[in-house]
């Protein structure tokens, strides 16, 4: 999470009051456009007391935006691209008194498939042809004969509407959870342990190295999915082959359940991705 340092915005219209100072060092027209965009986003977040996000930015544009934010007090920010190592990311800005994790990443994922081999460039072209603006498109990630496109949530809805599998066109689109993403170099860990019972909160606690109380709270807050479905019951049973996804933390596959042990606990092996 980035935190800004600099002068406070003036009363009234902070953009008018501070933009000359904050943009003074930018001479390239593209950099100026990025600077103005991030100031508008920061103003909106500060004025409306809610998180706001830029469009997707490449690393150079993101460096410009974060340089501008570093001159503004009263805000904090983070960059989100949908998966670790994403090249194109959105910067989410919020008032600095918001706690870390207060805003969900405003990024969605769509899986594009075609009868022929689909390239990243063709997938982006199909999205643009469907009416998606380039600035609303993040990375295109190939995986197992498909291309996973990171986009804004609004763009994801439009893509599925325009290119849904029922349309029968050359390229089809299906919305997927961010935790379903596959990307090169994704970290995979095998975790073994025991649980008192094979219930969702206990297994999730083992898989994501958290307390059972924390997992129960996340389950009730609909942050956890079981087999890609929201489950709000911490005591929901978990079986071999089940997939547990935790927003922002990846997914875990239950590989094996065994036991009980002499102490009556259930042995469990999970494979965690992300």
C-alpha atoms as a PDB file:
ATOM      1  CA  UNK A   1       0.000   0.000   0.000  1.00  0.00           C
ATOM      2  CA  UNK A   2       1.465   3.365  -0.980  1.00  0.00           C
ATOM      3  CA  UNK A   3       1.102   6.405   1.237  1.00  0.00           C
ATOM      4  CA  UNK A   4       1.409   9.964  -0.031  1.00  0.00           C
ATOM      5  CA  UNK A   5       3.596  12.648   1.482  1.00  0.00           C
ATOM      6  CA  UNK A   6       3.355  16.352   0.666  1.00  0.00           C
ATOM      7  CA  UNK A   7       1.112  19.355   1.273  1.00  0.00           C
ATOM      8  CA  UNK A   8      -2.550  19.036   2.155  1.00  0.00           C
ATOM      9  CA  UNK A   9      -5.068  19.968  -0.495  1.00  0.00           C
ATOM     10  CA  UNK A  10      -6.573  23.411  -0.215  1.00  0.00           C
ATOM     11  CA  UNK A  11     -10.187  23.903   0.750  1.00  0.00           C
ATOM     12  CA  UNK A  12     -12.630  24.166  -2.124  1.00  0.00           C
ATOM     13  CA  UNK A  13     -11.218  22.559  -5.250  1.00  0.00           C
ATOM     14  CA  UNK A  14      -7.987  20.797  -4.383  1.00  0.00           C
ATOM     15  CA  UNK A  15      -7.200  19.978  -8.000  1.00  0.00           C
ATOM     16  CA  UNK A  16      -7.279  23.655  -9.016  1.00  0.00           C
ATOM     17  CA  UNK A  17      -5.325  24.572  -5.928  1.00  0.00           C
ATOM     18  CA  UNK A  18      -2.540  22.019  -6.333  1.00  0.00           C
ATOM     19  CA  UNK A  19      -2.415  20.768  -9.899  1.00  0.00           C
ATOM     20  CA  UNK A  20       0.079  23.357 -11.124  1.00  0.00           C
ATOM     21  CA  UNK A  21       2.601  22.383  -8.470  1.00  0.00           C
ATOM     22  CA  UNK A  22       2.024  18.642  -8.845  1.00  0.00           C
ATOM     23  CA  UNK A  23       2.152  18.625 -12.643  1.00  0.00           C
ATOM     24  CA  UNK A  24       4.954  21.153 -13.073  1.00  0.00           C
ATOM     25  CA  UNK A  25       7.713  18.612 -13.662  1.00  0.00           C
ATOM     26  CA  UNK A  26       5.775  16.734 -16.364  1.00  0.00           C
ATOM     27  CA  UNK A  27       6.495  17.838 -19.926  1.00  0.00           C
ATOM     28  CA  UNK A  28       5.474  14.833 -22.006  1.00  0.00           C
ATOM     29  CA  UNK A  29       1.804  15.060 -23.101  1.00  0.00           C
ATOM     30  CA  UNK A  30       1.177  11.402 -22.255  1.00  0.00           C
ATOM     31  CA  UNK A  31       2.641  11.865 -18.771  1.00  0.00           C
ATOM     32  CA  UNK A  32       0.516  14.972 -18.266  1.00  0.00           C
ATOM     33  CA  UNK A  33      -2.609  13.014 -19.201  1.00  0.00           C
ATOM     34  CA  UNK A  34      -1.731  10.332 -16.638  1.00  0.00           C
ATOM     35  CA  UNK A  35      -1.002  12.982 -14.013  1.00  0.00           C
ATOM     36  CA  UNK A  36      -4.319  14.711 -14.565  1.00  0.00           C
ATOM     37  CA  UNK A  37      -6.188  11.396 -14.461  1.00  0.00           C
ATOM     38  CA  UNK A  38      -4.684  10.310 -11.150  1.00  0.00           C
ATOM     39  CA  UNK A  39      -5.350  13.740  -9.619  1.00  0.00           C
ATOM     40  CA  UNK A  40      -8.996  13.504 -10.642  1.00  0.00           C
ATOM     41  CA  UNK A  41      -9.178  10.027  -9.120  1.00  0.00           C
ATOM     42  CA  UNK A  42      -7.535  11.250  -5.902  1.00  0.00           C
ATOM     43  CA  UNK A  43      -9.890  14.228  -5.717  1.00  0.00           C
ATOM     44  CA  UNK A  44     -12.930  12.003  -6.170  1.00  0.00           C
ATOM     45  CA  UNK A  45     -11.724   9.556  -3.502  1.00  0.00           C
ATOM     46  CA  UNK A  46     -10.990  12.402  -1.075  1.00  0.00           C
ATOM     47  CA  UNK A  47     -14.211  14.301  -1.775  1.00  0.00           C
ATOM     48  CA  UNK A  48     -16.599  11.324  -1.830  1.00  0.00           C
ATOM     49  CA  UNK A  49     -14.854   9.358   0.936  1.00  0.00           C
ATOM     50  CA  UNK A  50     -14.684   6.171  -1.162  1.00  0.00           C
ATOM     51  CA  UNK A  51     -11.930   4.265  -3.028  1.00  0.00           C
ATOM     52  CA  UNK A  52     -11.518   5.225  -6.684  1.00  0.00           C
ATOM     53  CA  UNK A  53      -9.381   3.644  -9.406  1.00  0.00           C
ATOM     54  CA  UNK A  54      -7.499   4.729 -12.503  1.00  0.00           C
ATOM     55  CA  UNK A  55      -7.679   2.857 -15.766  1.00  0.00           C
ATOM     56  CA  UNK A  56      -5.067   0.154 -16.395  1.00  0.00           C
ATOM     57  CA  UNK A  57      -1.572   1.652 -16.552  1.00  0.00           C
ATOM     58  CA  UNK A  58       1.671   0.194 -17.856  1.00  0.00           C
ATOM     59  CA  UNK A  59       4.780   0.403 -15.609  1.00  0.00           C
ATOM     60  CA  UNK A  60       5.983   3.760 -16.971  1.00  0.00           C
ATOM     61  CA  UNK A  61       2.575   5.416 -16.597  1.00  0.00           C
ATOM     62  CA  UNK A  62       2.186   3.877 -13.153  1.00  0.00           C
ATOM     63  CA  UNK A  63       5.499   5.391 -12.074  1.00  0.00           C
ATOM     64  CA  UNK A  64       4.256   8.809 -13.184  1.00  0.00           C
ATOM     65  CA  UNK A  65       0.969   8.374 -11.319  1.00  0.00           C
ATOM     66  CA  UNK A  66       2.636   7.227  -8.113  1.00  0.00           C
ATOM     67  CA  UNK A  67       5.080  10.111  -8.348  1.00  0.00           C
ATOM     68  CA  UNK A  68       2.127  12.512  -8.419  1.00  0.00           C
ATOM     69  CA  UNK A  69       0.413  10.776  -5.507  1.00  0.00           C
ATOM     70  CA  UNK A  70       3.598  11.028  -3.467  1.00  0.00           C
ATOM     71  CA  UNK A  71       3.065  14.805  -3.432  1.00  0.00           C
ATOM     72  CA  UNK A  72      -0.434  14.664  -1.992  1.00  0.00           C
ATOM     73  CA  UNK A  73      -1.289  14.256   1.687  1.00  0.00           C
ATOM     74  CA  UNK A  74      -4.456  12.569   2.881  1.00  0.00           C
ATOM     75  CA  UNK A  75      -4.520   9.577   0.540  1.00  0.00           C
ATOM     76  CA  UNK A  76      -3.103   6.101   0.280  1.00  0.00           C
ATOM     77  CA  UNK A  77      -3.080   3.750  -2.673  1.00  0.00           C
ATOM     78  CA  UNK A  78      -2.220   0.345  -4.062  1.00  0.00           C
ATOM     79  CA  UNK A  79      -1.792  -1.114  -7.550  1.00  0.00           C
ATOM     80  CA  UNK A  80      -3.882  -4.096  -8.668  1.00  0.00           C
ATOM     81  CA  UNK A  81      -3.518  -6.131 -11.840  1.00  0.00           C
ATOM     82  CA  UNK A  82      -5.339  -9.333 -10.932  1.00  0.00           C
ATOM     83  CA  UNK A  83      -2.337 -11.528 -10.171  1.00  0.00           C
ATOM     84  CA  UNK A  84       1.222 -11.217  -8.835  1.00  0.00           C
ATOM     85  CA  UNK A  85       3.572  -9.907 -11.495  1.00  0.00           C
ATOM     86  CA  UNK A  86       0.877  -8.266 -13.621  1.00  0.00           C
ATOM     87  CA  UNK A  87       2.386  -5.715 -15.984  1.00  0.00           C
ATOM     88  CA  UNK A  88      -0.673  -3.507 -16.444  1.00  0.00           C
ATOM     89  CA  UNK A  89      -2.379  -2.454 -13.215  1.00  0.00           C
ATOM     90  CA  UNK A  90      -4.986  -0.047 -11.887  1.00  0.00           C
ATOM     91  CA  UNK A  91      -4.083   2.312  -9.043  1.00  0.00           C
ATOM     92  CA  UNK A  92      -6.721   2.385  -6.336  1.00  0.00           C
ATOM     93  CA  UNK A  93      -6.721   5.601  -4.276  1.00  0.00           C
ATOM     94  CA  UNK A  94      -8.551   6.106  -0.976  1.00  0.00           C
ATOM     95  CA  UNK A  95      -8.488   8.424   2.027  1.00  0.00           C
ATOM     96  CA  UNK A  96      -5.476   7.635   4.205  1.00  0.00           C
ATOM     97  CA  UNK A  97      -7.606   6.729   7.230  1.00  0.00           C
ATOM     98  CA  UNK A  98      -9.049   3.730   5.376  1.00  0.00           C
ATOM     99  CA  UNK A  99      -7.522   0.518   6.783  1.00  0.00           C
ATOM    100  CA  UNK A 100      -5.365  -1.685   4.600  1.00  0.00           C
ATOM    101  CA  UNK A 101      -7.545  -4.137   2.708  1.00  0.00           C
ATOM    102  CA  UNK A 102     -10.579  -1.860   2.846  1.00  0.00           C
ATOM    103  CA  UNK A 103     -10.960  -1.887  -0.935  1.00  0.00           C
ATOM    104  CA  UNK A 104     -11.204  -4.936  -3.160  1.00  0.00           C
ATOM    105  CA  UNK A 105      -9.097  -4.828  -6.348  1.00  0.00           C
ATOM    106  CA  UNK A 106     -11.376  -3.472  -9.121  1.00  0.00           C
ATOM    107  CA  UNK A 107     -10.172  -6.099 -11.584  1.00  0.00           C
ATOM    108  CA  UNK A 108     -12.105  -8.957 -13.165  1.00  0.00           C
ATOM    109  CA  UNK A 109     -11.055 -11.936 -15.278  1.00  0.00           C
ATOM    110  CA  UNK A 110     -12.599 -13.348 -18.438  1.00  0.00           C
ATOM    111  CA  UNK A 111     -11.556 -16.575 -20.152  1.00  0.00           C
ATOM    112  CA  UNK A 112     -11.617 -16.272 -23.946  1.00  0.00           C
ATOM    113  CA  UNK A 113     -11.732 -19.392 -26.108  1.00  0.00           C
ATOM    114  CA  UNK A 114     -11.882 -20.030 -29.840  1.00  0.00           C
ATOM    115  CA  UNK A 115     -12.052 -22.975 -32.222  1.00  0.00           C
ATOM    116  CA  UNK A 116      -8.552 -22.061 -33.412  1.00  0.00           C
ATOM    117  CA  UNK A 117      -5.447 -21.286 -31.371  1.00  0.00           C
ATOM    118  CA  UNK A 118      -6.105 -17.921 -29.726  1.00  0.00           C
ATOM    119  CA  UNK A 119      -3.169 -15.553 -29.228  1.00  0.00           C
ATOM    120  CA  UNK A 120      -2.962 -12.788 -26.642  1.00  0.00           C
ATOM    121  CA  UNK A 121      -3.085 -10.186 -29.419  1.00  0.00           C
ATOM    122  CA  UNK A 122      -6.176 -11.784 -30.974  1.00  0.00           C
ATOM    123  CA  UNK A 123      -7.890 -11.915 -27.579  1.00  0.00           C
ATOM    124  CA  UNK A 124      -7.279  -8.208 -26.983  1.00  0.00           C
ATOM    125  CA  UNK A 125      -8.464  -7.476 -30.529  1.00  0.00           C
ATOM    126  CA  UNK A 126     -11.682  -9.404 -29.918  1.00  0.00           C
ATOM    127  CA  UNK A 127     -12.283  -7.414 -26.739  1.00  0.00           C
ATOM    128  CA  UNK A 128     -11.727  -4.094 -28.515  1.00  0.00           C
ATOM    129  CA  UNK A 129     -14.016  -5.199 -31.349  1.00  0.00           C
ATOM    130  CA  UNK A 130     -16.669  -5.961 -28.724  1.00  0.00           C
ATOM    131  CA  UNK A 131     -16.492  -2.338 -27.607  1.00  0.00           C
ATOM    132  CA  UNK A 132     -13.994  -2.513 -24.750  1.00  0.00           C
ATOM    133  CA  UNK A 133     -11.685   0.512 -24.524  1.00  0.00           C
ATOM    134  CA  UNK A 134      -7.952  -0.378 -24.503  1.00  0.00           C
ATOM    135  CA  UNK A 135      -7.490   1.441 -21.181  1.00  0.00           C
ATOM    136  CA  UNK A 136     -10.033  -0.945 -19.616  1.00  0.00           C
ATOM    137  CA  UNK A 137      -7.897  -3.966 -20.544  1.00  0.00           C
ATOM    138  CA  UNK A 138      -5.051  -5.246 -18.402  1.00  0.00           C
ATOM    139  CA  UNK A 139      -2.829  -8.237 -19.108  1.00  0.00           C
ATOM    140  CA  UNK A 140      -3.689 -11.060 -21.508  1.00  0.00           C
ATOM    141  CA  UNK A 141      -2.457 -14.309 -19.984  1.00  0.00           C
ATOM    142  CA  UNK A 142      -2.347 -17.523 -22.057  1.00  0.00           C
ATOM    143  CA  UNK A 143      -3.139 -20.819 -20.329  1.00  0.00           C
ATOM    144  CA  UNK A 144      -3.967 -24.301 -21.630  1.00  0.00           C
ATOM    145  CA  UNK A 145      -5.208 -23.224 -25.060  1.00  0.00           C
ATOM    146  CA  UNK A 146      -7.205 -20.223 -23.837  1.00  0.00           C
ATOM    147  CA  UNK A 147      -6.427 -16.595 -23.052  1.00  0.00           C
ATOM    148  CA  UNK A 148      -7.371 -15.067 -19.719  1.00  0.00           C
ATOM    149  CA  UNK A 149      -8.053 -11.366 -20.031  1.00  0.00           C
ATOM    150  CA  UNK A 150      -7.859  -9.007 -17.051  1.00  0.00           C
ATOM    151  CA  UNK A 151     -10.317  -6.147 -17.409  1.00  0.00           C
ATOM    152  CA  UNK A 152     -12.433  -3.754 -15.371  1.00  0.00           C
ATOM    153  CA  UNK A 153     -15.566  -5.334 -13.836  1.00  0.00           C
ATOM    154  CA  UNK A 154     -17.747  -3.290 -16.201  1.00  0.00           C
ATOM    155  CA  UNK A 155     -15.764  -4.513 -19.205  1.00  0.00           C
ATOM    156  CA  UNK A 156     -16.051  -8.111 -18.007  1.00  0.00           C
ATOM    157  CA  UNK A 157     -19.852  -7.857 -17.927  1.00  0.00           C
ATOM    158  CA  UNK A 158     -19.919  -6.435 -21.431  1.00  0.00           C
ATOM    159  CA  UNK A 159     -17.531  -9.056 -22.800  1.00  0.00           C
ATOM    160  CA  UNK A 160     -19.627 -11.897 -21.418  1.00  0.00           C
ATOM    161  CA  UNK A 161     -22.767 -10.247 -22.803  1.00  0.00           C
ATOM    162  CA  UNK A 162     -21.238  -9.688 -26.248  1.00  0.00           C
ATOM    163  CA  UNK A 163     -19.154 -12.860 -26.555  1.00  0.00           C
ATOM    164  CA  UNK A 164     -20.890 -15.305 -24.207  1.00  0.00           C
ATOM    165  CA  UNK A 165     -20.594 -19.008 -25.025  1.00  0.00           C
ATOM    166  CA  UNK A 166     -24.252 -19.079 -26.148  1.00  0.00           C
ATOM    167  CA  UNK A 167     -23.521 -16.598 -28.934  1.00  0.00           C
ATOM    168  CA  UNK A 168     -21.724 -19.169 -31.085  1.00  0.00           C
ATOM    169  CA  UNK A 169     -19.225 -16.665 -32.488  1.00  0.00           C
ATOM    170  CA  UNK A 170     -15.543 -17.232 -33.344  1.00  0.00           C
ATOM    171  CA  UNK A 171     -14.482 -16.143 -29.837  1.00  0.00           C
ATOM    172  CA  UNK A 172     -16.450 -16.870 -26.667  1.00  0.00           C
ATOM    173  CA  UNK A 173     -16.088 -15.350 -23.209  1.00  0.00           C
ATOM    174  CA  UNK A 174     -16.688 -16.743 -19.737  1.00  0.00           C
ATOM    175  CA  UNK A 175     -16.266 -14.841 -16.465  1.00  0.00           C
ATOM    176  CA  UNK A 176     -13.957 -16.542 -13.971  1.00  0.00           C
ATOM    177  CA  UNK A 177     -12.813 -15.738 -10.445  1.00  0.00           C
ATOM    178  CA  UNK A 178      -9.391 -14.161 -10.063  1.00  0.00           C
ATOM    179  CA  UNK A 179      -8.435 -17.180  -7.956  1.00  0.00           C
ATOM    180  CA  UNK A 180      -9.014 -19.392 -11.041  1.00  0.00           C
ATOM    181  CA  UNK A 181      -6.312 -17.607 -13.002  1.00  0.00           C
ATOM    182  CA  UNK A 182      -3.342 -19.583 -14.234  1.00  0.00           C
ATOM    183  CA  UNK A 183      -0.144 -17.671 -14.909  1.00  0.00           C
ATOM    184  CA  UNK A 184       3.504 -18.516 -15.614  1.00  0.00           C
ATOM    185  CA  UNK A 185       5.549 -18.905 -12.457  1.00  0.00           C
ATOM    186  CA  UNK A 186       2.537 -19.252 -10.173  1.00  0.00           C
ATOM    187  CA  UNK A 187       3.628 -20.524  -6.787  1.00  0.00           C
ATOM    188  CA  UNK A 188       2.337 -23.951  -5.768  1.00  0.00           C
ATOM    189  CA  UNK A 189       2.774 -25.341  -2.253  1.00  0.00           C
ATOM    190  CA  UNK A 190       1.806 -28.654  -0.718  1.00  0.00           C
ATOM    191  CA  UNK A 191       0.573 -28.254   2.837  1.00  0.00           C
ATOM    192  CA  UNK A 192       0.006 -31.129   5.236  1.00  0.00           C
ATOM    193  CA  UNK A 193      -1.533 -31.075   8.695  1.00  0.00           C
ATOM    194  CA  UNK A 194      -4.421 -32.231  10.815  1.00  0.00           C
ATOM    195  CA  UNK A 195      -7.779 -30.699  11.664  1.00  0.00           C
ATOM    196  CA  UNK A 196     -10.335 -31.509  14.324  1.00  0.00           C
ATOM    197  CA  UNK A 197     -12.960 -32.036  11.624  1.00  0.00           C
ATOM    198  CA  UNK A 198     -13.147 -31.611   7.857  1.00  0.00           C
ATOM    199  CA  UNK A 199     -15.240 -28.444   7.978  1.00  0.00           C
ATOM    200  CA  UNK A 200     -14.643 -25.376   5.844  1.00  0.00           C
ATOM    201  CA  UNK A 201     -13.271 -22.997   8.475  1.00  0.00           C
ATOM    202  CA  UNK A 202     -10.774 -25.577   9.783  1.00  0.00           C
ATOM    203  CA  UNK A 203      -9.500 -26.649   6.362  1.00  0.00           C
ATOM    204  CA  UNK A 204      -9.285 -23.045   5.130  1.00  0.00           C
ATOM    205  CA  UNK A 205      -7.313 -22.101   8.242  1.00  0.00           C
ATOM    206  CA  UNK A 206      -4.753 -24.801   7.462  1.00  0.00           C
ATOM    207  CA  UNK A 207      -4.595 -23.966   3.751  1.00  0.00           C
ATOM    208  CA  UNK A 208      -4.158 -20.208   4.189  1.00  0.00           C
ATOM    209  CA  UNK A 209      -2.101 -20.190   7.411  1.00  0.00           C
ATOM    210  CA  UNK A 210      -4.738 -18.298   9.371  1.00  0.00           C
ATOM    211  CA  UNK A 211      -6.746 -18.808  12.525  1.00  0.00           C
ATOM    212  CA  UNK A 212     -10.014 -20.699  12.392  1.00  0.00           C
ATOM    213  CA  UNK A 213     -11.741 -17.651  13.889  1.00  0.00           C
ATOM    214  CA  UNK A 214     -10.431 -15.447  11.068  1.00  0.00           C
ATOM    215  CA  UNK A 215     -11.561 -17.933   8.437  1.00  0.00           C
ATOM    216  CA  UNK A 216     -15.018 -18.224  10.002  1.00  0.00           C
ATOM    217  CA  UNK A 217     -15.330 -14.446   9.839  1.00  0.00           C
ATOM    218  CA  UNK A 218     -14.223 -14.391   6.184  1.00  0.00           C
ATOM    219  CA  UNK A 219     -16.689 -17.161   5.338  1.00  0.00           C
ATOM    220  CA  UNK A 220     -19.598 -15.232   6.855  1.00  0.00           C
ATOM    221  CA  UNK A 221     -18.418 -12.117   4.981  1.00  0.00           C
ATOM    222  CA  UNK A 222     -18.594 -14.101   1.677  1.00  0.00           C
ATOM    223  CA  UNK A 223     -14.845 -13.754   1.047  1.00  0.00           C
ATOM    224  CA  UNK A 224     -14.404 -17.507   0.685  1.00  0.00           C
ATOM    225  CA  UNK A 225     -15.818 -19.787  -1.997  1.00  0.00           C
ATOM    226  CA  UNK A 226     -16.112 -23.555  -1.951  1.00  0.00           C
ATOM    227  CA  UNK A 227     -15.941 -25.038  -5.463  1.00  0.00           C
ATOM    228  CA  UNK A 228     -16.436 -21.492  -6.787  1.00  0.00           C
ATOM    229  CA  UNK A 229     -19.710 -21.037  -4.918  1.00  0.00           C
ATOM    230  CA  UNK A 230     -20.173 -18.624  -2.008  1.00  0.00           C
ATOM    231  CA  UNK A 231     -20.736 -20.543   1.233  1.00  0.00           C
ATOM    232  CA  UNK A 232     -21.598 -18.701   4.442  1.00  0.00           C
ATOM    233  CA  UNK A 233     -21.602 -21.677   6.805  1.00  0.00           C
ATOM    234  CA  UNK A 234     -18.197 -22.172   8.497  1.00  0.00           C
ATOM    235  CA  UNK A 235     -19.185 -25.777   9.308  1.00  0.00           C
ATOM    236  CA  UNK A 236     -19.807 -26.723   5.658  1.00  0.00           C
ATOM    237  CA  UNK A 237     -18.217 -30.138   4.980  1.00  0.00           C
ATOM    238  CA  UNK A 238     -15.110 -30.360   2.824  1.00  0.00           C
ATOM    239  CA  UNK A 239     -14.266 -33.420   0.713  1.00  0.00           C
ATOM    240  CA  UNK A 240     -11.334 -34.614  -1.378  1.00  0.00           C
ATOM    241  CA  UNK A 241     -11.118 -32.710  -4.661  1.00  0.00           C
ATOM    242  CA  UNK A 242     -12.850 -29.614  -3.311  1.00  0.00           C
ATOM    243  CA  UNK A 243     -11.450 -26.189  -4.179  1.00  0.00           C
ATOM    244  CA  UNK A 244     -11.356 -23.425  -1.572  1.00  0.00           C
ATOM    245  CA  UNK A 245     -10.755 -19.883  -2.843  1.00  0.00           C
ATOM    246  CA  UNK A 246      -9.975 -16.875  -0.673  1.00  0.00           C
ATOM    247  CA  UNK A 247     -10.176 -13.456  -2.295  1.00  0.00           C
ATOM    248  CA  UNK A 248      -6.693 -11.995  -2.763  1.00  0.00           C
ATOM    249  CA  UNK A 249      -4.957 -15.121  -1.410  1.00  0.00           C
ATOM    250  CA  UNK A 250      -5.412 -17.671  -4.193  1.00  0.00           C
ATOM    251  CA  UNK A 251      -6.965 -21.119  -4.116  1.00  0.00           C
ATOM    252  CA  UNK A 252      -6.318 -24.454  -2.423  1.00  0.00           C
ATOM    253  CA  UNK A 253      -7.251 -27.921  -3.666  1.00  0.00           C
ATOM    254  CA  UNK A 254      -7.973 -30.626  -1.095  1.00  0.00           C
ATOM    255  CA  UNK A 255      -5.780 -33.474  -2.295  1.00  0.00           C
ATOM    256  CA  UNK A 256      -6.310 -36.015   0.468  1.00  0.00           C
ATOM    257  CA  UNK A 257      -8.240 -36.636   3.675  1.00  0.00           C
ATOM    258  CA  UNK A 258      -7.142 -39.452   5.976  1.00  0.00           C
ATOM    259  CA  UNK A 259      -7.540 -40.663   9.516  1.00  0.00           C
ATOM    260  CA  UNK A 260      -8.652 -40.274  12.097  1.00  0.00           C
ATOM    261  CA  UNK A 261      -5.338 -40.219  13.968  1.00  0.00           C
ATOM    262  CA  UNK A 262      -4.920 -41.707  17.446  1.00  0.00           C
ATOM    263  CA  UNK A 263      -6.001 -38.363  18.874  1.00  0.00           C
ATOM    264  CA  UNK A 264      -9.107 -38.370  16.690  1.00  0.00           C
ATOM    265  CA  UNK A 265      -7.963 -35.682  14.237  1.00  0.00           C
ATOM    266  CA  UNK A 266      -8.295 -35.791  10.443  1.00  0.00           C
ATOM    267  CA  UNK A 267      -5.133 -35.814   8.345  1.00  0.00           C
ATOM    268  CA  UNK A 268      -5.270 -33.492   5.343  1.00  0.00           C
ATOM    269  CA  UNK A 269      -3.108 -32.593   2.345  1.00  0.00           C
ATOM    270  CA  UNK A 270      -3.881 -29.476   0.305  1.00  0.00           C
ATOM    271  CA  UNK A 271      -2.174 -27.965  -2.708  1.00  0.00           C
ATOM    272  CA  UNK A 272      -2.227 -24.182  -2.585  1.00  0.00           C
ATOM    273  CA  UNK A 273      -1.879 -21.993  -5.674  1.00  0.00           C
ATOM    274  CA  UNK A 274      -0.973 -18.307  -5.630  1.00  0.00           C
END
